[in-house]
C-alpha atoms as a PDB file:
ATOM      1  CA  MET A   1      62.020  -5.476 -29.518  1.00  0.00           C
ATOM      2  CA  ASN A   2      62.340  -2.210 -31.473  1.00  0.00           C
ATOM      3  CA  PHE A   3      62.757   1.066 -29.617  1.00  0.00           C
ATOM      4  CA  HIS A   4      63.054   4.232 -31.713  1.00  0.00           C
ATOM      5  CA  ILE A   5      63.982   7.720 -30.509  1.00  0.00           C
ATOM      6  CA  CYS A   6      63.715  10.865 -32.630  1.00  0.00           C
ATOM      7  CA  HIS A   7      63.526  14.605 -32.128  1.00  0.00           C
ATOM      8  CA  PRO A   8      60.556  16.892 -32.869  1.00  0.00           C
ATOM      9  CA  ALA A   9      60.451  19.794 -35.312  1.00  0.00           C
ATOM     10  CA  ASP A  10      62.261  22.960 -34.247  1.00  0.00           C
ATOM     11  CA  ALA A  11      58.926  24.785 -33.950  1.00  0.00           C
ATOM     12  CA  LEU A  12      57.971  22.532 -31.041  1.00  0.00           C
ATOM     13  CA  ARG A  13      61.033  23.153 -28.919  1.00  0.00           C
ATOM     14  CA  PRO A  14      61.402  23.428 -25.962  1.00  0.00           C
ATOM     15  CA  PHE A  15      57.845  22.249 -25.250  1.00  0.00           C
ATOM     16  CA  VAL A  16      58.374  18.842 -26.865  1.00  0.00           C
ATOM     17  CA  LYS A  17      61.694  17.155 -26.096  1.00  0.00           C
ATOM     18  CA  GLN A  18      61.639  13.751 -27.817  1.00  0.00           C
ATOM     19  CA  TYR A  19      59.435  11.108 -29.370  1.00  0.00           C
ATOM     20  CA  TYR A  20      59.634   7.403 -28.543  1.00  0.00           C
ATOM     21  CA  PHE A  21      58.130   4.524 -30.494  1.00  0.00           C
ATOM     22  CA  TRP A  22      58.259   1.040 -29.042  1.00  0.00           C
ATOM     23  CA  GLU A  23      57.189  -2.281 -30.545  1.00  0.00           C
ATOM     24  CA  ASP A  24      57.465  -5.683 -28.918  1.00  0.00           C
ATOM     25  CA  ASP A  25      55.906  -8.944 -30.133  1.00  0.00           C
ATOM     26  CA  THR A  26      56.426 -10.642 -26.776  1.00  0.00           C
ATOM     27  CA  ARG A  27      53.202 -12.037 -25.349  1.00  0.00           C
ATOM     28  CA  GLY A  28      52.362 -11.652 -21.673  1.00  0.00           C
ATOM     29  CA  ILE A  29      53.707  -9.271 -19.024  1.00  0.00           C
ATOM     30  CA  ILE A  30      56.725  -7.149 -19.996  1.00  0.00           C
ATOM     31  CA  GLN A  31      58.554  -5.103 -17.354  1.00  0.00           C
ATOM     32  CA  LEU A  32      59.530  -1.715 -18.739  1.00  0.00           C
ATOM     33  CA  PRO A  33      62.748   0.132 -17.821  1.00  0.00           C
ATOM     34  CA  GLN A  34      62.021   2.225 -14.750  1.00  0.00           C
ATOM     35  CA  ASN A  35      63.866   5.192 -16.245  1.00  0.00           C
ATOM     36  CA  LEU A  36      61.388   5.440 -19.121  1.00  0.00           C
ATOM     37  CA  PHE A  37      59.644   8.385 -17.466  1.00  0.00           C
ATOM     38  CA  ALA A  38      62.017  11.067 -16.170  1.00  0.00           C
ATOM     39  CA  LEU A  39      61.520  13.345 -13.195  1.00  0.00           C
ATOM     40  CA  GLY A  40      60.468  16.854 -14.181  1.00  0.00           C
ATOM     41  CA  ASP A  41      58.903  15.924 -17.542  1.00  0.00           C
ATOM     42  CA  GLN A  42      55.407  14.994 -18.651  1.00  0.00           C
ATOM     43  CA  TYR A  43      54.311  12.544 -21.326  1.00  0.00           C
ATOM     44  CA  MET A  44      51.586  11.925 -23.847  1.00  0.00           C
ATOM     45  CA  VAL A  45      51.180   8.168 -24.300  1.00  0.00           C
ATOM     46  CA  PHE A  46      49.380   6.552 -27.245  1.00  0.00           C
ATOM     47  CA  ILE A  47      48.908   2.835 -26.646  1.00  0.00           C
ATOM     48  CA  LEU A  48      48.266   1.436 -30.104  1.00  0.00           C
ATOM     49  CA  GLU A  49      48.376  -2.193 -29.027  1.00  0.00           C
ATOM     50  CA  GLY A  50      48.537  -3.879 -25.631  1.00  0.00           C
ATOM     51  CA  LYS A  51      47.838  -2.560 -22.126  1.00  0.00           C
ATOM     52  CA  ALA A  52      50.029  -0.568 -19.743  1.00  0.00           C
ATOM     53  CA  GLU A  53      49.970  -0.322 -15.952  1.00  0.00           C
ATOM     54  CA  ILE A  54      51.909   2.062 -13.720  1.00  0.00           C
ATOM     55  CA  LYS A  55      52.448   1.506  -9.999  1.00  0.00           C
ATOM     56  CA  PRO A  56      53.968   4.524  -8.214  1.00  0.00           C
ATOM     57  CA  THR A  57      55.521   3.714  -4.851  1.00  0.00           C
ATOM     58  CA  ASN A  58      53.203   6.066  -2.968  1.00  0.00           C
ATOM     59  CA  HIS A  59      50.064   5.651  -5.089  1.00  0.00           C
ATOM     60  CA  LYS A  60      47.689   2.893  -6.128  1.00  0.00           C
ATOM     61  CA  ALA A  61      48.422   1.211  -9.445  1.00  0.00           C
ATOM     62  CA  PHE A  62      46.509   2.493 -12.451  1.00  0.00           C
ATOM     63  CA  THR A  63      45.998   1.323 -16.012  1.00  0.00           C
ATOM     64  CA  LEU A  64      46.541   3.925 -18.721  1.00  0.00           C
ATOM     65  CA  PRO A  65      43.764   4.453 -21.273  1.00  0.00           C
ATOM     66  CA  ALA A  66      44.631   4.180 -24.954  1.00  0.00           C
ATOM     67  CA  ASN A  67      45.416   7.915 -25.230  1.00  0.00           C
ATOM     68  CA  ALA A  68      46.599   9.696 -22.110  1.00  0.00           C
ATOM     69  CA  VAL A  69      48.764  12.495 -20.757  1.00  0.00           C
ATOM     70  CA  LEU A  70      50.834  11.450 -17.756  1.00  0.00           C
ATOM     71  CA  GLY A  71      51.457  13.926 -14.969  1.00  0.00           C
ATOM     72  CA  HIS A  72      54.694  14.365 -13.061  1.00  0.00           C
ATOM     73  CA  LEU A  73      55.971  11.214 -11.386  1.00  0.00           C
ATOM     74  CA  THR A  74      57.568  12.290  -8.113  1.00  0.00           C
ATOM     75  CA  CYS A  75      58.627   8.853  -6.898  1.00  0.00           C
ATOM     76  CA  ALA A  76      59.858   5.490  -8.142  1.00  0.00           C
ATOM     77  CA  CYS A  77      57.344   3.448 -10.112  1.00  0.00           C
ATOM     78  CA  GLN A  78      56.929   0.017 -11.627  1.00  0.00           C
ATOM     79  CA  LEU A  79      55.949  -0.034 -15.297  1.00  0.00           C
ATOM     80  CA  GLN A  80      54.592  -3.056 -17.072  1.00  0.00           C
ATOM     81  CA  VAL A  81      52.661  -3.809 -20.222  1.00  0.00           C
ATOM     82  CA  GLN A  82      50.620  -6.714 -21.492  1.00  0.00           C
ATOM     83  CA  GLY A  83      52.150  -7.597 -24.854  1.00  0.00           C
ATOM     84  CA  PRO A  84      52.268  -7.661 -27.779  1.00  0.00           C
ATOM     85  CA  VAL A  85      52.672  -3.905 -27.468  1.00  0.00           C
ATOM     86  CA  LYS A  86      52.934  -0.902 -29.762  1.00  0.00           C
ATOM     87  CA  VAL A  87      53.302   2.497 -28.095  1.00  0.00           C
ATOM     88  CA  ALA A  88      54.111   6.051 -29.202  1.00  0.00           C
ATOM     89  CA  VAL A  89      55.242   8.536 -26.527  1.00  0.00           C
ATOM     90  CA  VAL A  90      55.673  12.313 -26.662  1.00  0.00           C
ATOM     91  CA  GLN A  91      58.072  13.596 -23.997  1.00  0.00           C
ATOM     92  CA  LEU A  92      57.105  17.119 -22.905  1.00  0.00           C
ATOM     93  CA  ASN A  93      59.101  19.538 -20.822  1.00  0.00           C
ATOM     94  CA  ALA A  94      57.819  20.840 -17.480  1.00  0.00           C
ATOM     95  CA  TYR A  95      55.345  23.304 -19.018  1.00  0.00           C
ATOM     96  CA  GLY A  96      54.730  21.485 -22.312  1.00  0.00           C
ATOM     97  CA  CYS A  97      51.427  19.946 -21.217  1.00  0.00           C
ATOM     98  CA  TYR A  98      49.976  23.347 -20.371  1.00  0.00           C
ATOM     99  CA  ARG A  99      51.208  24.842 -23.625  1.00  0.00           C
ATOM    100  CA  LEU A 100      49.949  22.061 -25.907  1.00  0.00           C
ATOM    101  CA  LEU A 101      46.846  20.937 -24.040  1.00  0.00           C
ATOM    102  CA  GLY A 102      45.864  23.888 -21.877  1.00  0.00           C
ATOM    103  CA  LEU A 103      45.484  21.581 -18.871  1.00  0.00           C
ATOM    104  CA  GLU A 104      46.211  22.642 -15.315  1.00  0.00           C
ATOM    105  CA  VAL A 105      48.309  19.660 -14.379  1.00  0.00           C
ATOM    106  CA  ALA A 106      48.472  19.960 -10.581  1.00  0.00           C
ATOM    107  CA  GLY A 107      45.427  17.682 -10.374  1.00  0.00           C
ATOM    108  CA  PHE A 108      47.121  14.606 -11.848  1.00  0.00           C
ATOM    109  CA  THR A 109      50.584  14.388 -10.339  1.00  0.00           C
ATOM    110  CA  ASN A 110      51.515  10.686 -10.225  1.00  0.00           C
ATOM    111  CA  TYR A 111      48.390  10.056 -12.313  1.00  0.00           C
ATOM    112  CA  TYR A 112      46.967  10.765 -15.783  1.00  0.00           C
ATOM    113  CA  ARG A 113      44.228  12.421 -17.806  1.00  0.00           C
ATOM    114  CA  ASN A 114      42.375  10.551 -20.536  1.00  0.00           C
ATOM    115  CA  LEU A 115      42.763  12.492 -23.798  1.00  0.00           C
ATOM    116  CA  ALA A 116      39.528  10.988 -25.074  1.00  0.00           C
ATOM    117  CA  ILE A 117      37.451  12.913 -22.515  1.00  0.00           C
ATOM    118  CA  THR A 118      39.372  16.183 -22.148  1.00  0.00           C
ATOM    119  CA  GLY A 119      37.750  17.738 -25.202  1.00  0.00           C
ATOM    120  CA  GLN A 120      41.127  18.195 -26.889  1.00  0.00           C
ATOM    121  CA  PRO A 121      40.808  18.052 -30.691  1.00  0.00           C
ATOM    122  CA  GLY A 122      43.011  15.934 -32.903  1.00  0.00           C
ATOM    123  CA  TRP A 123      44.431  13.355 -30.512  1.00  0.00           C
ATOM    124  CA  GLN A 124      41.929  10.612 -31.309  1.00  0.00           C
ATOM    125  CA  GLU A 125      42.609  11.140 -35.005  1.00  0.00           C
ATOM    126  CA  LEU A 126      46.350  11.026 -34.342  1.00  0.00           C
ATOM    127  CA  SER A 127      45.999   7.730 -32.499  1.00  0.00           C
ATOM    128  CA  ALA A 128      44.014   6.234 -35.388  1.00  0.00           C
ATOM    129  CA  ALA A 129      46.672   7.392 -37.866  1.00  0.00           C
ATOM    130  CA  LEU A 130      49.501   5.975 -35.745  1.00  0.00           C
ATOM    131  CA  LYS A 131      47.835   2.566 -35.721  1.00  0.00           C
ATOM    132  CA  GLN A 132      48.096   2.440 -39.517  1.00  0.00           C
ATOM    133  CA  VAL A 133      51.835   3.145 -39.598  1.00  0.00           C
ATOM    134  CA  THR A 134      54.001   0.346 -40.932  1.00  0.00           C
ATOM    135  CA  ASP A 135      57.277   2.273 -41.171  1.00  0.00           C
ATOM    136  CA  PRO A 136      58.445   3.800 -37.829  1.00  0.00           C
ATOM    137  CA  ARG A 137      59.955   6.719 -39.753  1.00  0.00           C
ATOM    138  CA  GLU A 138      56.425   7.942 -40.441  1.00  0.00           C
ATOM    139  CA  ILE A 139      55.771   8.364 -36.713  1.00  0.00           C
ATOM    140  CA  GLU A 140      57.791  11.551 -36.418  1.00  0.00           C
ATOM    141  CA  SER A 141      55.908  13.479 -39.124  1.00  0.00           C
ATOM    142  CA  LEU A 142      52.511  12.473 -37.709  1.00  0.00           C
ATOM    143  CA  LEU A 143      53.468  13.557 -34.193  1.00  0.00           C
ATOM    144  CA  ASP A 144      55.022  16.800 -35.466  1.00  0.00           C
ATOM    145  CA  GLU A 145      51.880  17.717 -37.385  1.00  0.00           C
ATOM    146  CA  ALA A 146      49.534  17.020 -34.477  1.00  0.00           C
ATOM    147  CA  CYS A 147      51.653  18.858 -31.901  1.00  0.00           C
ATOM    148  CA  ILE A 148      52.208  21.907 -34.115  1.00  0.00           C
ATOM    149  CA  LYS A 149      48.447  22.176 -34.675  1.00  0.00           C
ATOM    150  CA  ALA A 150      47.797  21.918 -30.937  1.00  0.00           C
ATOM    151  CA  LEU A 151      50.394  24.567 -30.146  1.00  0.00           C
ATOM    152  CA  ALA A 152      48.999  26.954 -32.772  1.00  0.00           C
ATOM    153  CA  ILE A 153      45.496  27.042 -31.279  1.00  0.00           C
ATOM    154  CA  ARG A 154      46.643  27.738 -27.725  1.00  0.00           C
ATOM    155  CA  ASP A 155      46.589  31.292 -26.405  1.00  0.00           C
ATOM    156  CA  CYS A 156      48.288  30.619 -23.087  1.00  0.00           C
ATOM    157  CA  THR A 157      48.947  33.284 -20.496  1.00  0.00           C
ATOM    158  CA  LEU A 158      51.434  33.214 -17.615  1.00  0.00           C
ATOM    159  CA  ARG A 159      54.387  32.703 -19.931  1.00  0.00           C
ATOM    160  CA  GLU A 160      56.603  34.071 -17.172  1.00  0.00           C
ATOM    161  CA  VAL A 161      56.636  30.577 -15.702  1.00  0.00           C
ATOM    162  CA  ASP A 162      58.408  29.353 -18.847  1.00  0.00           C
ATOM    163  CA  ASP A 163      61.304  31.641 -18.048  1.00  0.00           C
ATOM    164  CA  MET A 164      61.287  30.570 -14.400  1.00  0.00           C
ATOM    165  CA  VAL A 165      61.640  26.920 -15.366  1.00  0.00           C
ATOM    166  CA  ASP A 166      64.423  27.656 -17.846  1.00  0.00           C
ATOM    167  CA  TYR A 167      66.243  29.754 -15.239  1.00  0.00           C
ATOM    168  CA  MET A 168      65.979  26.938 -12.676  1.00  0.00           C
ATOM    169  CA  LEU A 169      67.461  24.524 -15.204  1.00  0.00           C
ATOM    170  CA  ILE A 170      70.367  26.884 -15.869  1.00  0.00           C
ATOM    171  CA  MET A 171      70.961  27.136 -12.109  1.00  0.00           C
ATOM    172  CA  GLN A 172      70.790  23.321 -11.778  1.00  0.00           C
ATOM    173  CA  GLY A 173      68.017  23.636  -9.204  1.00  0.00           C
ATOM    174  CA  ASN A 174      70.033  25.744  -6.781  1.00  0.00           C
ATOM    175  CA  VAL A 175      67.380  28.456  -6.599  1.00  0.00           C
ATOM    176  CA  SER A 176      65.250  29.474  -3.628  1.00  0.00           C
ATOM    177  CA  VAL A 177      61.645  30.630  -3.843  1.00  0.00           C
ATOM    178  CA  GLU A 178      62.763  33.915  -2.301  1.00  0.00           C
ATOM    179  CA  GLU A 179      65.237  34.422  -5.151  1.00  0.00           C
ATOM    180  CA  LEU A 180      62.547  33.668  -7.733  1.00  0.00           C
ATOM    181  CA  SER A 181      60.105  36.042  -6.020  1.00  0.00           C
ATOM    182  CA  ALA A 182      62.637  38.863  -6.163  1.00  0.00           C
ATOM    183  CA  ARG A 183      63.732  38.083  -9.725  1.00  0.00           C
ATOM    184  CA  TYR A 184      60.180  38.061 -11.122  1.00  0.00           C
ATOM    185  CA  ASP A 185      58.701  40.652  -8.726  1.00  0.00           C
ATOM    186  CA  LEU A 186      56.011  38.284  -7.442  1.00  0.00           C
ATOM    187  CA  SER A 187      54.887  37.487  -3.930  1.00  0.00           C
ATOM    188  CA  ARG A 188      55.707  34.004  -2.778  1.00  0.00           C
ATOM    189  CA  PRO A 189      52.037  32.839  -2.676  1.00  0.00           C
ATOM    190  CA  THR A 190      51.423  34.171  -6.198  1.00  0.00           C
ATOM    191  CA  LEU A 191      54.590  32.605  -7.559  1.00  0.00           C
ATOM    192  CA  GLU A 192      53.783  29.223  -6.020  1.00  0.00           C
ATOM    193  CA  ARG A 193      50.202  29.367  -7.287  1.00  0.00           C
ATOM    194  CA  ILE A 194      50.977  30.132 -10.921  1.00  0.00           C
ATOM    195  CA  PHE A 195      53.978  27.783 -11.001  1.00  0.00           C
ATOM    196  CA  SER A 196      51.878  24.895  -9.670  1.00  0.00           C
ATOM    197  CA  THR A 197      49.094  25.698 -12.147  1.00  0.00           C
ATOM    198  CA  ILE A 198      51.367  25.419 -15.182  1.00  0.00           C
ATOM    199  CA  VAL A 199      54.057  22.966 -14.098  1.00  0.00           C
ATOM    200  CA  GLY A 200      51.867  20.871 -11.812  1.00  0.00           C
ATOM    201  CA  ILE A 201      54.147  20.771  -8.766  1.00  0.00           C
ATOM    202  CA  PRO A 202      55.516  23.450  -6.388  1.00  0.00           C
ATOM    203  CA  PRO A 203      58.706  25.255  -7.425  1.00  0.00           C
ATOM    204  CA  GLN A 204      60.562  23.873  -4.401  1.00  0.00           C
ATOM    205  CA  LEU A 205      59.885  20.288  -5.495  1.00  0.00           C
ATOM    206  CA  TYR A 206      60.776  21.008  -9.112  1.00  0.00           C
ATOM    207  CA  ALA A 207      64.106  22.532  -8.000  1.00  0.00           C
ATOM    208  CA  ARG A 208      64.850  19.383  -5.992  1.00  0.00           C
ATOM    209  CA  MET A 209      64.120  17.244  -9.046  1.00  0.00           C
ATOM    210  CA  ILE A 210      66.545  19.253 -11.182  1.00  0.00           C
ATOM    211  CA  ARG A 211      69.245  19.154  -8.526  1.00  0.00           C
ATOM    212  CA  TYR A 212      68.790  15.403  -8.084  1.00  0.00           C
ATOM    213  CA  LYS A 213      68.951  14.642 -11.823  1.00  0.00           C
ATOM    214  CA  THR A 214      71.997  16.882 -12.226  1.00  0.00           C
ATOM    215  CA  ALA A 215      73.753  14.992  -9.441  1.00  0.00           C
ATOM    216  CA  LEU A 216      72.866  11.617 -10.962  1.00  0.00           C
ATOM    217  CA  SER A 217      74.252  12.722 -14.299  1.00  0.00           C
ATOM    218  CA  ALA A 218      77.541  13.774 -12.699  1.00  0.00           C
ATOM    219  CA  LEU A 219      77.839  10.715 -10.486  1.00  0.00           C
ATOM    220  CA  ARG A 220      77.119   8.405 -13.409  1.00  0.00           C
ATOM    221  CA  GLN A 221      80.555   9.307 -14.739  1.00  0.00           C
ATOM    222  CA  LEU A 222      82.201   7.727 -11.673  1.00  0.00           C
ATOM    223  CA  ASN A 223      83.029   4.093 -11.060  1.00  0.00           C
ATOM    224  CA  LEU A 224      80.542   2.430  -8.719  1.00  0.00           C
ATOM    225  CA  PRO A 225      82.944   2.201  -5.753  1.00  0.00           C
ATOM    226  CA  GLU A 226      83.489   5.960  -6.027  1.00  0.00           C
ATOM    227  CA  TRP A 227      79.930   7.220  -6.008  1.00  0.00           C
ATOM    228  CA  GLN A 228      79.830   7.576  -2.225  1.00  0.00           C
ATOM    229  CA  SER A 229      82.745   9.994  -2.358  1.00  0.00           C
ATOM    230  CA  PRO A 230      82.017  13.687  -1.584  1.00  0.00           C
ATOM    231  CA  VAL A 231      79.464  15.137  -4.012  1.00  0.00           C
ATOM    232  CA  ALA A 232      81.324  18.414  -4.473  1.00  0.00           C
ATOM    233  CA  THR A 233      81.134  18.034  -8.248  1.00  0.00           C
ATOM    234  CA  THR A 234      77.323  17.955  -8.141  1.00  0.00           C
ATOM    235  CA  ALA A 235      74.612  20.493  -7.342  1.00  0.00           C
ATOM    236  CA  TYR A 236      74.470  19.292  -3.716  1.00  0.00           C
ATOM    237  CA  TYR A 237      76.179  20.877  -0.750  1.00  0.00           C
ATOM    238  CA  ASN A 238      76.801  17.505   0.883  1.00  0.00           C
ATOM    239  CA  GLN A 239      76.112  13.810   0.528  1.00  0.00           C
ATOM    240  CA  ALA A 240      73.383  13.849   3.185  1.00  0.00           C
ATOM    241  CA  MET A 241      71.252  16.137   1.020  1.00  0.00           C
ATOM    242  CA  PHE A 242      71.675  13.826  -1.963  1.00  0.00           C
ATOM    243  CA  ILE A 243      70.649  10.766   0.084  1.00  0.00           C
ATOM    244  CA  GLN A 244      67.623  12.659   1.410  1.00  0.00           C
ATOM    245  CA  ASP A 245      66.426  13.364  -2.127  1.00  0.00           C
ATOM    246  CA  TYR A 246      67.266   9.817  -3.225  1.00  0.00           C
ATOM    247  CA  LEU A 247      64.922   8.581  -0.508  1.00  0.00           C
ATOM    248  CA  GLN A 248      62.303  11.144  -1.552  1.00  0.00           C
ATOM    249  CA  PHE A 249      62.268  10.087  -5.198  1.00  0.00           C
ATOM    250  CA  ASN A 250      63.037   6.357  -4.856  1.00  0.00           C
ATOM    251  CA  HIS A 251      61.676   5.369  -1.431  1.00  0.00           C
ATOM    252  CA  GLN A 252      64.774   3.299  -0.706  1.00  0.00           C
ATOM    253  CA  ALA A 253      68.318   3.930   0.478  1.00  0.00           C
ATOM    254  CA  PRO A 254      70.995   4.121  -2.258  1.00  0.00           C
ATOM    255  CA  SER A 255      72.937   0.896  -1.685  1.00  0.00           C
ATOM    256  CA  TYR A 256      74.943   1.708  -4.803  1.00  0.00           C
ATOM    257  CA  PHE A 257      74.709   4.279  -7.595  1.00  0.00           C
ATOM    258  CA  GLY A 258      73.287   1.898 -10.182  1.00  0.00           C
ATOM    259  CA  ALA A 259      70.123   1.563  -8.099  1.00  0.00           C
ATOM    260  CA  ALA A 260      68.762   4.911  -9.292  1.00  0.00           C
ATOM    261  CA  THR A 261      65.354   4.255 -10.796  1.00  0.00           C
ATOM    262  CA  ILE A 262      64.374   7.612 -12.245  1.00  0.00           C
ATOM    263  CA  ALA A 263      66.716   9.376 -14.649  1.00  0.00           C
ATOM    264  CA  HIS A 264      66.959  10.954 -18.066  1.00  0.00           C
ATOM    265  CA  LEU A 265      66.904   8.799 -21.141  1.00  0.00           C
ATOM    266  CA  PRO A 266      70.013   9.335 -23.280  1.00  0.00           C
ATOM    267  CA  VAL A 267      70.063  12.290 -25.617  1.00  0.00           C
ATOM    268  CA  ALA A 268      69.544  10.933 -29.097  1.00  0.00           C
ATOM    269  CA  GLY A 269      70.193  12.302 -32.548  1.00  0.00           C
ATOM    270  CA  ARG A 270      67.483  12.696 -35.103  1.00  0.00           C
ATOM    271  CA  HIS A 271      66.094   9.341 -36.271  1.00  0.00           C
ATOM    272  CA  GLN A 272      68.360   7.437 -33.866  1.00  0.00           C
ATOM    273  CA  VAL A 273      67.124   3.870 -33.586  1.00  0.00           C
ATOM    274  CA  ALA A 274      67.838   1.434 -30.785  1.00  0.00           C
ATOM    275  CA  VAL A 275      67.106  -2.169 -31.661  1.00  0.00           C
ATOM    276  CA  ALA A 276      67.332  -5.132 -29.343  1.00  0.00           C
ATOM    277  CA  SER A 277      66.189  -8.700 -29.594  1.00  0.00           C
END
């Protein structure tokens, strides 16, 4: 199995966070790591070989088309592919899908949109070009070129939401809707409407996702027997709040810290390559 991680061009940040390229010659069903898709991010998935199925805990299973954009996953999910498999993935930030594709993403939370029928130019051509790649190092330049072109033709409004999302990240999710309304001089209904249009989920839920991921990152530094200690070092006021969100996003009680099924992939340097066999 070859799993490659690399960073996009500077012109695409912060909309595009990372690229992944995965090859596996194994035949039959392959269970993917459940932390492949992180809370709070969206993904463009180009399946160049094989088939992929996603089963969210609170949603019927669905098979991804060859070229798709995946909405927010707000719960644990099972990921599996029918190998051999060859997949390229573009990890977008919370508002990256709206900026690159112009799609209002609230309609496909825990689901997807088929890029072949959205009328978006260039993605079919990108998929065809990716299929011809023999050297994984070529993947980055092809994805950069396609994403930069897509970003250049977008004339998106409501850029205020970009700043809202960035502010919520800085505050580690400890932000109320009332605080956002006052900060951006918007009524609560208006704020919730435009935020959901661009990000795809309500601001309250997005804040919970950030707070939860921040806590996981902090708790990951502890030894397993220690994770149930007070969560004062995290973005949570108490352990009960953390367990409540763990149940919300995983649909199971946290028997131990290692059971977390949705988390960030590791930050990787440019052209970092992870290879396993």
